[in-house]
Amino acid sequence: MNKVSAGAAEAVADITDGASLAVGGFGLSGVPEVLVRALYAQGADGLKVVSNNCGVDGRGLGVLLAAGRIARVTGSYVGENKEFARQYLSGELEVELVPQGTLAERLRAGGAGIPAFYTPAGVGTQVERGGLPWRYAADGTVVVASPSKETRDFDGRTHVLEHGINTDFALVRAWRGDRHGNLVFRRSAANFNPLAAMAGRITVAEVEELVEPGELRPDEVHLPGIFVQRVVALTAEEAADKPVERLSISASPTRGTVGT
């Protein structure tokens, strides 16, 4: 039951070229930075990534993207990652854009063993009808487009059939975890992490604080260890490395003078 790996390099050593990965995080919050960097050093290529977004230039999945190691992305948001947009529009990268709530449920469904589900999200759009560009040619023409989807009416409302997602591996980050793989996520860093962890056939979790079995109360565990196969304990320095995607600082209010 001891799922703790010797380090991040060991934990990602068997990720092969062409593997599919579910990766937690939202923007740069809750991103498994250490595991992503270890995978970059490991050298796996042609990866198929499922994640809300693909990091930013130079951070998170943006590191793998800039190295040309990602072949396909299933996500919700391109964001301000200029390299992501460039590779997509130039035809170097295949991208399946999915409504954010649908992506979350597809990951959860895959982890729960649910092959497909119906949702009203996307009805009447190209999500339903098909034709969303998945891959462009260098001249800007669409080479691969999304297919149309099955629909069905429930209580007089049309719904679209969406399929659950399972991946070969999942990389996630948690605040606390024990040696059995039980995980606790902190605040907004939870985001897609529990869902990505559920979807992976082999899930690797980097944890900021590793505790012994029994130290986590059952009612505080967000993800049970049955979904986690490997745990990597971060150093204090690694745990503290939490970049802000867009830092905004408000001006200090002008202080008035109090007379006597």
C-alpha atoms as a PDB file:
ATOM      1  CA  MET A   1       0.000   0.000   0.000  1.00  0.00           C
ATOM      2  CA  ASN A   2       2.989   2.340   0.111  1.00  0.00           C
ATOM      3  CA  LYS A   3       2.572   4.259  -3.155  1.00  0.00           C
ATOM      4  CA  VAL A   4       5.368   6.783  -2.608  1.00  0.00           C
ATOM      5  CA  SER A   5       7.857   6.958  -5.482  1.00  0.00           C
ATOM      6  CA  ALA A   6      11.510   7.780  -4.969  1.00  0.00           C
ATOM      7  CA  GLY A   7      11.043  10.941  -7.010  1.00  0.00           C
ATOM      8  CA  ALA A   8       9.279  12.548  -9.943  1.00  0.00           C
ATOM      9  CA  ALA A   9      11.678  11.026 -12.495  1.00  0.00           C
ATOM     10  CA  GLU A  10      10.857   7.513 -11.314  1.00  0.00           C
ATOM     11  CA  ALA A  11       7.134   8.245 -11.231  1.00  0.00           C
ATOM     12  CA  VAL A  12       6.961   9.259 -14.916  1.00  0.00           C
ATOM     13  CA  ALA A  13       9.646   6.930 -16.280  1.00  0.00           C
ATOM     14  CA  ASP A  14       7.191   4.574 -18.021  1.00  0.00           C
ATOM     15  CA  ILE A  15       5.206   7.240 -19.867  1.00  0.00           C
ATOM     16  CA  THR A  16       5.826   6.338 -23.499  1.00  0.00           C
ATOM     17  CA  ASP A  17       5.699   8.239 -26.770  1.00  0.00           C
ATOM     18  CA  GLY A  18       2.088   8.755 -27.838  1.00  0.00           C
ATOM     19  CA  ALA A  19       0.641   8.255 -24.349  1.00  0.00           C
ATOM     20  CA  SER A  20      -2.525  10.077 -23.319  1.00  0.00           C
ATOM     21  CA  LEU A  21      -2.413  12.244 -20.190  1.00  0.00           C
ATOM     22  CA  ALA A  22      -5.061  13.925 -18.058  1.00  0.00           C
ATOM     23  CA  VAL A  23      -3.392  16.867 -16.313  1.00  0.00           C
ATOM     24  CA  GLY A  24      -4.856  18.885 -13.454  1.00  0.00           C
ATOM     25  CA  GLY A  25      -4.725  22.618 -13.032  1.00  0.00           C
ATOM     26  CA  PHE A  26      -6.540  25.755 -14.130  1.00  0.00           C
ATOM     27  CA  GLY A  27      -4.339  28.482 -15.541  1.00  0.00           C
ATOM     28  CA  LEU A  28      -1.324  28.041 -13.280  1.00  0.00           C
ATOM     29  CA  SER A  29      -3.292  27.099 -10.152  1.00  0.00           C
ATOM     30  CA  GLY A  30      -2.826  23.533  -8.995  1.00  0.00           C
ATOM     31  CA  VAL A  31      -0.582  22.567 -11.906  1.00  0.00           C
ATOM     32  CA  PRO A  32       1.705  19.538 -11.308  1.00  0.00           C
ATOM     33  CA  GLU A  33       4.787  21.529 -12.284  1.00  0.00           C
ATOM     34  CA  VAL A  34       7.339  19.086 -10.893  1.00  0.00           C
ATOM     35  CA  LEU A  35       5.865  16.105 -12.727  1.00  0.00           C
ATOM     36  CA  VAL A  36       5.581  18.077 -15.964  1.00  0.00           C
ATOM     37  CA  ARG A  37       9.242  19.098 -15.747  1.00  0.00           C
ATOM     38  CA  ALA A  38      10.222  15.503 -14.998  1.00  0.00           C
ATOM     39  CA  LEU A  39       8.298  14.350 -18.057  1.00  0.00           C
ATOM     40  CA  TYR A  40      10.081  16.989 -20.133  1.00  0.00           C
ATOM     41  CA  ALA A  41      13.432  15.654 -18.917  1.00  0.00           C
ATOM     42  CA  GLN A  42      12.291  12.074 -19.564  1.00  0.00           C
ATOM     43  CA  GLY A  43      11.721  12.831 -23.251  1.00  0.00           C
ATOM     44  CA  ALA A  44       8.328  11.297 -24.110  1.00  0.00           C
ATOM     45  CA  ASP A  45       6.990  12.681 -27.400  1.00  0.00           C
ATOM     46  CA  GLY A  46       3.728  12.767 -29.353  1.00  0.00           C
ATOM     47  CA  LEU A  47       1.663  13.134 -26.183  1.00  0.00           C
ATOM     48  CA  LYS A  48      -2.130  13.459 -26.201  1.00  0.00           C
ATOM     49  CA  VAL A  49      -3.077  15.810 -23.388  1.00  0.00           C
ATOM     50  CA  VAL A  50      -6.453  16.373 -21.748  1.00  0.00           C
ATOM     51  CA  SER A  51      -6.402  19.490 -19.588  1.00  0.00           C
ATOM     52  CA  ASN A  52      -8.470  22.628 -19.134  1.00  0.00           C
ATOM     53  CA  ASN A  53      -5.702  24.658 -20.770  1.00  0.00           C
ATOM     54  CA  CYS A  54      -2.132  24.050 -21.876  1.00  0.00           C
ATOM     55  CA  GLY A  55      -0.217  26.191 -19.410  1.00  0.00           C
ATOM     56  CA  VAL A  56       1.388  29.461 -20.412  1.00  0.00           C
ATOM     57  CA  ASP A  57       4.572  30.204 -22.299  1.00  0.00           C
ATOM     58  CA  GLY A  58       7.369  28.652 -20.241  1.00  0.00           C
ATOM     59  CA  ARG A  59       5.251  27.227 -17.399  1.00  0.00           C
ATOM     60  CA  GLY A  60       3.119  24.150 -16.847  1.00  0.00           C
ATOM     61  CA  LEU A  61       2.271  22.210 -19.984  1.00  0.00           C
ATOM     62  CA  GLY A  62       3.640  25.136 -21.961  1.00  0.00           C
ATOM     63  CA  VAL A  63       7.089  23.626 -21.384  1.00  0.00           C
ATOM     64  CA  LEU A  64       6.170  20.427 -23.240  1.00  0.00           C
ATOM     65  CA  LEU A  65       4.249  22.355 -25.868  1.00  0.00           C
ATOM     66  CA  ALA A  66       7.185  24.638 -26.699  1.00  0.00           C
ATOM     67  CA  ALA A  67       9.393  21.577 -27.137  1.00  0.00           C
ATOM     68  CA  GLY A  68       6.969  20.162 -29.720  1.00  0.00           C
ATOM     69  CA  ARG A  69       6.223  17.141 -27.576  1.00  0.00           C
ATOM     70  CA  ILE A  70       2.409  17.449 -27.541  1.00  0.00           C
ATOM     71  CA  ALA A  71       0.520  16.148 -30.571  1.00  0.00           C
ATOM     72  CA  ARG A  72      -3.056  16.723 -29.436  1.00  0.00           C
ATOM     73  CA  VAL A  73      -4.871  18.747 -26.783  1.00  0.00           C
ATOM     74  CA  THR A  74      -8.410  18.276 -25.518  1.00  0.00           C
ATOM     75  CA  GLY A  75      -9.250  21.345 -23.477  1.00  0.00           C
ATOM     76  CA  SER A  76     -11.476  24.342 -22.918  1.00  0.00           C
ATOM     77  CA  TYR A  77      -9.229  27.356 -23.134  1.00  0.00           C
ATOM     78  CA  VAL A  78      -6.316  28.542 -25.229  1.00  0.00           C
ATOM     79  CA  GLY A  79      -5.814  31.572 -23.001  1.00  0.00           C
ATOM     80  CA  GLU A  80      -2.751  33.754 -23.393  1.00  0.00           C
ATOM     81  CA  ASN A  81      -0.429  30.964 -24.484  1.00  0.00           C
ATOM     82  CA  LYS A  82       0.840  32.406 -27.761  1.00  0.00           C
ATOM     83  CA  GLU A  83       2.714  29.233 -28.683  1.00  0.00           C
ATOM     84  CA  PHE A  84      -0.445  27.167 -28.197  1.00  0.00           C
ATOM     85  CA  ALA A  85      -2.362  29.469 -30.567  1.00  0.00           C
ATOM     86  CA  ARG A  86       0.489  29.490 -33.085  1.00  0.00           C
ATOM     87  CA  GLN A  87       0.845  25.713 -33.237  1.00  0.00           C
ATOM     88  CA  TYR A  88      -2.922  25.237 -33.529  1.00  0.00           C
ATOM     89  CA  LEU A  89      -3.430  27.800 -36.295  1.00  0.00           C
ATOM     90  CA  SER A  90      -0.349  26.650 -38.239  1.00  0.00           C
ATOM     91  CA  GLY A  91      -1.476  23.012 -38.273  1.00  0.00           C
ATOM     92  CA  GLU A  92       1.254  21.662 -36.004  1.00  0.00           C
ATOM     93  CA  LEU A  93      -1.144  20.739 -33.214  1.00  0.00           C
ATOM     94  CA  GLU A  94      -4.562  19.076 -33.132  1.00  0.00           C
ATOM     95  CA  VAL A  95      -6.949  20.734 -30.677  1.00  0.00           C
ATOM     96  CA  GLU A  96     -10.388  19.605 -29.526  1.00  0.00           C
ATOM     97  CA  LEU A  97     -12.089  22.484 -27.712  1.00  0.00           C
ATOM     98  CA  VAL A  98     -14.795  21.342 -25.296  1.00  0.00           C
ATOM     99  CA  PRO A  99     -17.211  23.388 -23.159  1.00  0.00           C
ATOM    100  CA  GLN A 100     -15.592  23.609 -19.731  1.00  0.00           C
ATOM    101  CA  GLY A 101     -18.370  21.952 -17.758  1.00  0.00           C
ATOM    102  CA  THR A 102     -18.629  19.202 -20.357  1.00  0.00           C
ATOM    103  CA  LEU A 103     -14.896  18.544 -20.113  1.00  0.00           C
ATOM    104  CA  ALA A 104     -15.144  18.271 -16.336  1.00  0.00           C
ATOM    105  CA  GLU A 105     -18.015  15.800 -16.582  1.00  0.00           C
ATOM    106  CA  ARG A 106     -16.321  13.763 -19.313  1.00  0.00           C
ATOM    107  CA  LEU A 107     -13.319  13.260 -17.017  1.00  0.00           C
ATOM    108  CA  ARG A 108     -15.505  12.432 -14.026  1.00  0.00           C
ATOM    109  CA  ALA A 109     -17.630  10.036 -16.076  1.00  0.00           C
ATOM    110  CA  GLY A 110     -14.584   8.224 -17.383  1.00  0.00           C
ATOM    111  CA  GLY A 111     -13.275   7.770 -13.863  1.00  0.00           C
ATOM    112  CA  ALA A 112     -16.660   6.551 -12.634  1.00  0.00           C
ATOM    113  CA  GLY A 113     -16.966   3.962 -15.402  1.00  0.00           C
ATOM    114  CA  ILE A 114     -19.727   5.826 -17.239  1.00  0.00           C
ATOM    115  CA  PRO A 115     -19.107   5.504 -20.986  1.00  0.00           C
ATOM    116  CA  ALA A 116     -21.311   8.407 -22.095  1.00  0.00           C
ATOM    117  CA  PHE A 117     -23.933  10.907 -20.939  1.00  0.00           C
ATOM    118  CA  TYR A 118     -26.330  13.503 -22.346  1.00  0.00           C
ATOM    119  CA  THR A 119     -25.998  17.237 -21.714  1.00  0.00           C
ATOM    120  CA  PRO A 120     -27.778  20.342 -23.042  1.00  0.00           C
ATOM    121  CA  ALA A 121     -24.448  22.192 -23.352  1.00  0.00           C
ATOM    122  CA  GLY A 122     -23.620  22.841 -27.006  1.00  0.00           C
ATOM    123  CA  VAL A 123     -27.036  22.109 -28.492  1.00  0.00           C
ATOM    124  CA  GLY A 124     -27.627  24.160 -31.637  1.00  0.00           C
ATOM    125  CA  THR A 125     -23.912  24.911 -32.116  1.00  0.00           C
ATOM    126  CA  GLN A 126     -20.999  23.254 -33.902  1.00  0.00           C
ATOM    127  CA  VAL A 127     -20.514  21.174 -30.750  1.00  0.00           C
ATOM    128  CA  GLU A 128     -23.667  19.357 -31.834  1.00  0.00           C
ATOM    129  CA  ARG A 129     -23.576  19.806 -35.609  1.00  0.00           C
ATOM    130  CA  GLY A 130     -19.855  19.198 -36.067  1.00  0.00           C
ATOM    131  CA  GLY A 131     -17.407  21.244 -38.072  1.00  0.00           C
ATOM    132  CA  LEU A 132     -15.255  22.650 -35.266  1.00  0.00           C
ATOM    133  CA  PRO A 133     -11.673  22.819 -36.592  1.00  0.00           C
ATOM    134  CA  TRP A 134      -9.527  20.203 -34.869  1.00  0.00           C
ATOM    135  CA  ARG A 135      -6.537  20.583 -37.181  1.00  0.00           C
ATOM    136  CA  TYR A 136      -5.614  23.226 -39.734  1.00  0.00           C
ATOM    137  CA  ALA A 137      -3.310  22.973 -42.724  1.00  0.00           C
ATOM    138  CA  ALA A 138      -0.460  25.435 -43.082  1.00  0.00           C
ATOM    139  CA  ASP A 139      -2.586  27.460 -45.537  1.00  0.00           C
ATOM    140  CA  GLY A 140      -5.384  27.869 -42.987  1.00  0.00           C
ATOM    141  CA  THR A 141      -7.811  25.337 -44.424  1.00  0.00           C
ATOM    142  CA  VAL A 142      -9.417  22.823 -42.081  1.00  0.00           C
ATOM    143  CA  VAL A 143      -7.939  19.335 -42.402  1.00  0.00           C
ATOM    144  CA  VAL A 144      -9.748  17.628 -39.514  1.00  0.00           C
ATOM    145  CA  ALA A 145     -13.098  18.804 -38.122  1.00  0.00           C
ATOM    146  CA  SER A 146     -15.258  17.567 -35.282  1.00  0.00           C
ATOM    147  CA  PRO A 147     -18.011  15.078 -36.161  1.00  0.00           C
ATOM    148  CA  SER A 148     -21.696  15.653 -35.531  1.00  0.00           C
ATOM    149  CA  LYS A 149     -23.084  14.182 -32.320  1.00  0.00           C
ATOM    150  CA  GLU A 150     -26.104  12.123 -31.449  1.00  0.00           C
ATOM    151  CA  THR A 151     -28.946  14.019 -29.782  1.00  0.00           C
ATOM    152  CA  ARG A 152     -31.959  12.983 -27.748  1.00  0.00           C
ATOM    153  CA  ASP A 153     -34.854  14.836 -26.185  1.00  0.00           C
ATOM    154  CA  PHE A 154     -35.553  14.609 -22.455  1.00  0.00           C
ATOM    155  CA  ASP A 155     -38.601  16.404 -21.042  1.00  0.00           C
ATOM    156  CA  GLY A 156     -38.936  18.406 -24.244  1.00  0.00           C
ATOM    157  CA  ARG A 157     -35.326  19.599 -24.262  1.00  0.00           C
ATOM    158  CA  THR A 158     -32.609  18.468 -26.670  1.00  0.00           C
ATOM    159  CA  HIS A 159     -29.394  17.008 -25.259  1.00  0.00           C
ATOM    160  CA  VAL A 160     -26.073  16.068 -26.886  1.00  0.00           C
ATOM    161  CA  LEU A 161     -24.333  12.747 -26.299  1.00  0.00           C
ATOM    162  CA  GLU A 162     -20.821  13.152 -24.886  1.00  0.00           C
ATOM    163  CA  HIS A 163     -18.340  10.372 -24.128  1.00  0.00           C
ATOM    164  CA  GLY A 164     -16.394   9.825 -20.930  1.00  0.00           C
ATOM    165  CA  ILE A 165     -12.628  10.270 -21.020  1.00  0.00           C
ATOM    166  CA  ASN A 166     -10.021   7.799 -19.835  1.00  0.00           C
ATOM    167  CA  THR A 167      -6.292   8.348 -20.305  1.00  0.00           C
ATOM    168  CA  ASP A 168      -3.183   6.194 -19.957  1.00  0.00           C
ATOM    169  CA  PHE A 169      -1.819   8.434 -17.194  1.00  0.00           C
ATOM    170  CA  ALA A 170      -2.883  11.377 -15.068  1.00  0.00           C
ATOM    171  CA  LEU A 171      -0.641  13.996 -13.462  1.00  0.00           C
ATOM    172  CA  VAL A 172      -2.103  15.994 -10.580  1.00  0.00           C
ATOM    173  CA  ARG A 173      -1.068  18.190  -7.658  1.00  0.00           C
ATOM    174  CA  ALA A 174      -2.507  18.013  -4.150  1.00  0.00           C
ATOM    175  CA  TRP A 175      -1.954  19.934  -0.944  1.00  0.00           C
ATOM    176  CA  ARG A 176      -1.690  16.898   1.333  1.00  0.00           C
ATOM    177  CA  GLY A 177      -1.535  13.190   0.677  1.00  0.00           C
ATOM    178  CA  ASP A 178      -0.719  10.010   2.537  1.00  0.00           C
ATOM    179  CA  ARG A 179       1.249   6.930   1.532  1.00  0.00           C
ATOM    180  CA  HIS A 180      -1.962   5.165   0.479  1.00  0.00           C
ATOM    181  CA  GLY A 181      -2.698   7.870  -2.104  1.00  0.00           C
ATOM    182  CA  ASN A 182      -5.550   9.628  -0.302  1.00  0.00           C
ATOM    183  CA  LEU A 183      -5.481  13.285  -1.345  1.00  0.00           C
ATOM    184  CA  VAL A 184      -6.627  16.652  -0.028  1.00  0.00           C
ATOM    185  CA  PHE A 185      -6.767  19.660  -2.361  1.00  0.00           C
ATOM    186  CA  ARG A 186      -6.609  23.247  -1.136  1.00  0.00           C
ATOM    187  CA  ARG A 187      -8.982  25.967  -2.269  1.00  0.00           C
ATOM    188  CA  SER A 188      -8.897  26.875  -5.974  1.00  0.00           C
ATOM    189  CA  ALA A 189      -6.041  24.425  -6.616  1.00  0.00           C
ATOM    190  CA  ALA A 190      -8.650  21.658  -6.510  1.00  0.00           C
ATOM    191  CA  ASN A 191     -10.097  22.756  -9.900  1.00  0.00           C
ATOM    192  CA  PHE A 192      -9.630  19.891 -12.424  1.00  0.00           C
ATOM    193  CA  ASN A 193      -7.246  17.855 -10.264  1.00  0.00           C
ATOM    194  CA  PRO A 194      -9.708  15.359  -8.713  1.00  0.00           C
ATOM    195  CA  LEU A 195     -11.398  14.815 -12.088  1.00  0.00           C
ATOM    196  CA  ALA A 196      -8.125  14.308 -13.956  1.00  0.00           C
ATOM    197  CA  ALA A 197      -6.981  11.886 -11.259  1.00  0.00           C
ATOM    198  CA  MET A 198     -10.149   9.828 -11.682  1.00  0.00           C
ATOM    199  CA  ALA A 199      -9.713   9.592 -15.454  1.00  0.00           C
ATOM    200  CA  GLY A 200      -6.153   8.241 -15.470  1.00  0.00           C
ATOM    201  CA  ARG A 201      -5.510   4.508 -15.531  1.00  0.00           C
ATOM    202  CA  ILE A 202      -2.223   5.268 -13.735  1.00  0.00           C
ATOM    203  CA  THR A 203      -2.453   8.452 -11.688  1.00  0.00           C
ATOM    204  CA  VAL A 204       0.618  10.191 -10.308  1.00  0.00           C
ATOM    205  CA  ALA A 205       0.108  12.831  -7.619  1.00  0.00           C
ATOM    206  CA  GLU A 206       2.698  15.313  -6.410  1.00  0.00           C
ATOM    207  CA  VAL A 207       1.872  16.416  -2.881  1.00  0.00           C
ATOM    208  CA  GLU A 208       3.068  19.467  -0.997  1.00  0.00           C
ATOM    209  CA  GLU A 209       2.835  17.645   2.327  1.00  0.00           C
ATOM    210  CA  LEU A 210       3.174  13.878   2.744  1.00  0.00           C
ATOM    211  CA  VAL A 211       1.600  12.404   5.889  1.00  0.00           C
ATOM    212  CA  GLU A 212       1.295   8.932   7.321  1.00  0.00           C
ATOM    213  CA  PRO A 213      -1.847   6.793   6.881  1.00  0.00           C
ATOM    214  CA  GLY A 214      -4.402   7.708   9.515  1.00  0.00           C
ATOM    215  CA  GLU A 215      -3.350  11.349   9.793  1.00  0.00           C
ATOM    216  CA  LEU A 216      -6.001  12.444   7.304  1.00  0.00           C
ATOM    217  CA  ARG A 217      -9.508  12.342   8.679  1.00  0.00           C
ATOM    218  CA  PRO A 218     -11.855  10.406   6.373  1.00  0.00           C
ATOM    219  CA  ASP A 219     -14.173  13.400   6.087  1.00  0.00           C
ATOM    220  CA  GLU A 220     -11.387  15.663   4.782  1.00  0.00           C
ATOM    221  CA  VAL A 221     -10.222  13.363   1.973  1.00  0.00           C
ATOM    222  CA  HIS A 222     -11.270  14.789  -1.402  1.00  0.00           C
ATOM    223  CA  LEU A 223     -10.010  11.877  -3.492  1.00  0.00           C
ATOM    224  CA  PRO A 224      -9.622   8.342  -2.129  1.00  0.00           C
ATOM    225  CA  GLY A 225      -6.418   6.455  -2.772  1.00  0.00           C
ATOM    226  CA  ILE A 226      -8.114   3.911  -5.033  1.00  0.00           C
ATOM    227  CA  PHE A 227      -7.730   6.475  -7.825  1.00  0.00           C
ATOM    228  CA  VAL A 228      -4.015   7.105  -7.186  1.00  0.00           C
ATOM    229  CA  GLN A 229      -1.192   4.705  -8.021  1.00  0.00           C
ATOM    230  CA  ARG A 230       1.900   6.850  -7.310  1.00  0.00           C
ATOM    231  CA  VAL A 231       2.693   9.671  -4.892  1.00  0.00           C
ATOM    232  CA  VAL A 232       5.640  12.078  -5.140  1.00  0.00           C
ATOM    233  CA  ALA A 233       6.533  14.152  -2.065  1.00  0.00           C
ATOM    234  CA  LEU A 234       7.658  17.673  -2.968  1.00  0.00           C
ATOM    235  CA  THR A 235      10.477  19.505  -1.259  1.00  0.00           C
ATOM    236  CA  ALA A 236       9.615  22.701   0.612  1.00  0.00           C
ATOM    237  CA  GLU A 237      11.075  24.714  -2.256  1.00  0.00           C
ATOM    238  CA  GLU A 238       9.058  22.839  -4.878  1.00  0.00           C
ATOM    239  CA  ALA A 239       5.865  23.200  -2.844  1.00  0.00           C
ATOM    240  CA  ALA A 240       6.387  26.950  -2.546  1.00  0.00           C
ATOM    241  CA  ASP A 241       6.856  27.455  -6.294  1.00  0.00           C
ATOM    242  CA  LYS A 242       3.411  28.807  -7.175  1.00  0.00           C
ATOM    243  CA  PRO A 243       3.539  31.370  -9.971  1.00  0.00           C
ATOM    244  CA  VAL A 244       0.683  33.775 -10.625  1.00  0.00           C
ATOM    245  CA  GLU A 245      -0.536  33.890 -14.222  1.00  0.00           C
ATOM    246  CA  ARG A 246      -1.486  37.562 -14.111  1.00  0.00           C
ATOM    247  CA  LEU A 247      -0.432  39.541 -11.056  1.00  0.00           C
ATOM    248  CA  SER A 248      -2.570  42.580 -10.252  1.00  0.00           C
ATOM    249  CA  ILE A 249      -1.780  44.850  -7.332  1.00  0.00           C
ATOM    250  CA  SER A 250      -4.170  47.583  -6.298  1.00  0.00           C
ATOM    251  CA  ALA A 251      -2.858  50.976  -5.309  1.00  0.00           C
ATOM    252  CA  SER A 252      -2.821  51.755  -1.611  1.00  0.00           C
ATOM    253  CA  PRO A 253      -5.671  54.074  -0.594  1.00  0.00           C
ATOM    254  CA  THR A 254      -4.637  57.610   0.225  1.00  0.00           C
ATOM    255  CA  ARG A 255      -4.474  58.075   3.945  1.00  0.00           C
ATOM    256  CA  GLY A 256      -6.089  61.187   5.335  1.00  0.00           C
ATOM    257  CA  THR A 257      -4.587  63.363   8.034  1.00  0.00           C
ATOM    258  CA  VAL A 258      -6.267  63.384  11.397  1.00  0.00           C
ATOM    259  CA  GLY A 259      -6.264  66.791  13.047  1.00  0.00           C
ATOM    260  CA  THR A 260      -5.921  67.460  16.755  1.00  0.00           C
END
